[in-house]
């Protein structure tokens, strides 16, 4: 039985049982490529969270039942749902814009982004 030295050696051993051609080593040859991988992960999470936020905002809007009564001491539920929807859409658009510019930005820096599994 081999001893696990690095934090990802166990993961790599498990993946090698599934696909012997796959290695975790060499995925990021330098710091720039490592930054590219982390930026991809962050953008994917941001994009997913914006979609979840949009869905949640629609649920809030439906459950608000159109309460626009200004006599209530707190903000109306419709206003809260509309603001949440507005910010979710803004994040969605900004994330989509950043993803579309990402390839050009990293190519200017001379970094090759990971495209997918070889």
Protein backbone atom coordinates (compact mmCIF):
# COMPACT_ATOMS: atom_id res chain seq x y z
CA UNK A 1 0.00 0.00 0.00
CA UNK A 2 1.40 3.37 -0.98
CA UNK A 3 1.70 6.20 1.52
CA UNK A 4 -0.19 9.42 0.81
CA UNK A 5 2.23 12.34 0.88
CA UNK A 6 0.47 15.34 -0.68
CA UNK A 7 -3.06 16.55 -0.04
CA UNK A 8 -4.27 15.47 -3.50
CA UNK A 9 -2.40 12.18 -3.87
CA UNK A 10 -5.38 10.17 -2.65
CA UNK A 11 -7.67 11.96 -5.09
CA UNK A 12 -5.26 11.36 -7.94
CA UNK A 13 -5.00 7.67 -7.05
CA UNK A 14 -8.79 7.38 -7.09
CA UNK A 15 -9.05 9.13 -10.45
CA UNK A 16 -6.26 7.00 -11.92
CA UNK A 17 -8.32 3.90 -11.18
CA UNK A 18 -11.09 5.37 -13.36
CA UNK A 19 -8.96 6.96 -16.09
CA UNK A 20 -5.27 5.97 -16.12
CA UNK A 21 -4.39 8.84 -18.51
CA UNK A 22 -5.51 11.59 -16.09
CA UNK A 23 -3.03 13.37 -13.83
CA UNK A 24 -3.44 16.26 -11.45
CA UNK A 25 0.21 17.14 -11.93
CA UNK A 26 0.86 19.42 -14.84
CA UNK A 27 -2.64 20.88 -14.93
CA UNK A 28 -1.18 24.22 -13.88
CA UNK A 29 2.32 24.64 -15.24
CA UNK A 30 2.86 28.07 -13.70
CA UNK A 31 1.22 30.59 -11.41
CA UNK A 32 -0.70 32.26 -14.23
CA UNK A 33 -2.42 29.03 -15.21
CA UNK A 34 -3.22 28.34 -11.57
CA UNK A 35 -4.81 31.79 -11.31
CA UNK A 36 -6.77 30.99 -14.47
CA UNK A 37 -8.14 27.82 -12.90
CA UNK A 38 -9.22 29.68 -9.76
CA UNK A 39 -10.81 32.45 -11.84
CA UNK A 40 -12.75 29.82 -13.80
CA UNK A 41 -14.01 28.27 -10.58
CA UNK A 42 -14.96 31.65 -9.11
CA UNK A 43 -16.80 32.71 -12.27
CA UNK A 44 -18.67 29.41 -12.46
CA UNK A 45 -19.78 29.75 -8.84
CA UNK A 46 -20.79 33.38 -9.35
CA UNK A 47 -22.75 32.49 -12.48
CA UNK A 48 -24.52 29.64 -10.69
CA UNK A 49 -25.33 31.78 -7.66
CA UNK A 50 -26.77 34.53 -9.86
CA UNK A 51 -29.11 32.01 -11.51
CA UNK A 52 -30.15 30.71 -8.08
CA UNK A 53 -30.69 34.31 -6.96
CA UNK A 54 -32.91 35.00 -9.96
CA UNK A 55 -34.99 31.90 -9.25
CA UNK A 56 -35.25 32.77 -5.56
CA UNK A 57 -36.28 36.34 -6.42
CA UNK A 58 -39.09 35.04 -8.61
CA UNK A 59 -40.26 32.78 -5.78
CA UNK A 60 -40.19 35.79 -3.41
CA UNK A 61 -42.15 37.82 -5.96
CA UNK A 62 -44.78 35.11 -6.33
CA UNK A 63 -45.11 34.61 -2.58
CA UNK A 64 -45.42 38.36 -1.95
CA UNK A 65 -49.01 38.27 -3.27
CA UNK A 66 -48.63 41.84 -4.52
CA UNK A 67 -48.42 43.48 -1.11
CA UNK A 68 -47.81 47.15 -1.84
CA UNK A 69 -49.39 48.53 1.33
CA UNK A 70 -47.27 51.52 2.44
CA UNK A 71 -49.00 51.55 5.85
CA UNK A 72 -46.93 48.60 6.97
CA UNK A 73 -43.93 49.63 9.00
CA UNK A 74 -41.58 47.41 7.03
CA UNK A 75 -40.82 47.44 3.34
CA UNK A 76 -43.36 45.72 1.17
CA UNK A 77 -42.46 42.19 0.12
CA UNK A 78 -42.78 43.12 -3.54
CA UNK A 79 -40.13 45.82 -3.22
CA UNK A 80 -37.73 43.41 -1.52
CA UNK A 81 -38.32 40.80 -4.24
CA UNK A 82 -37.81 43.39 -7.00
CA UNK A 83 -34.54 44.59 -5.49
CA UNK A 84 -33.28 41.03 -5.10
CA UNK A 85 -34.21 40.31 -8.70
CA UNK A 86 -32.50 43.50 -9.89
CA UNK A 87 -29.23 42.66 -8.15
CA UNK A 88 -29.35 39.03 -9.29
CA UNK A 89 -29.79 40.12 -12.91
CA UNK A 90 -26.97 42.67 -12.56
CA UNK A 91 -24.62 39.97 -11.22
CA UNK A 92 -25.73 37.60 -14.00
CA UNK A 93 -25.00 40.19 -16.71
CA UNK A 94 -21.64 41.19 -15.20
CA UNK A 95 -20.57 37.58 -14.80
CA UNK A 96 -21.59 36.77 -18.37
CA UNK A 97 -19.66 39.83 -19.59
CA UNK A 98 -16.55 38.85 -17.60
CA UNK A 99 -16.70 35.28 -18.90
CA UNK A 100 -16.90 36.57 -22.46
CA UNK A 101 -13.87 38.83 -21.91
CA UNK A 102 -11.88 36.29 -19.94
CA UNK A 103 -10.33 34.47 -22.87
CA UNK A 104 -9.10 37.69 -24.48
CA UNK A 105 -7.73 39.01 -21.18
CA UNK A 106 -5.74 35.89 -20.37
CA UNK A 107 -4.49 35.56 -23.95
CA UNK A 108 -3.06 39.11 -23.62
CA UNK A 109 -1.22 37.90 -20.51
CA UNK A 110 0.05 34.85 -22.36
CA UNK A 111 -1.84 32.34 -20.25
CA UNK A 112 -3.49 29.30 -21.83
CA UNK A 113 -6.77 28.59 -20.07
CA UNK A 114 -7.80 24.99 -19.50
CA UNK A 115 -10.40 24.11 -22.11
CA UNK A 116 -11.57 20.81 -20.68
CA UNK A 117 -10.47 17.24 -20.25
CA UNK A 118 -8.00 16.15 -22.93
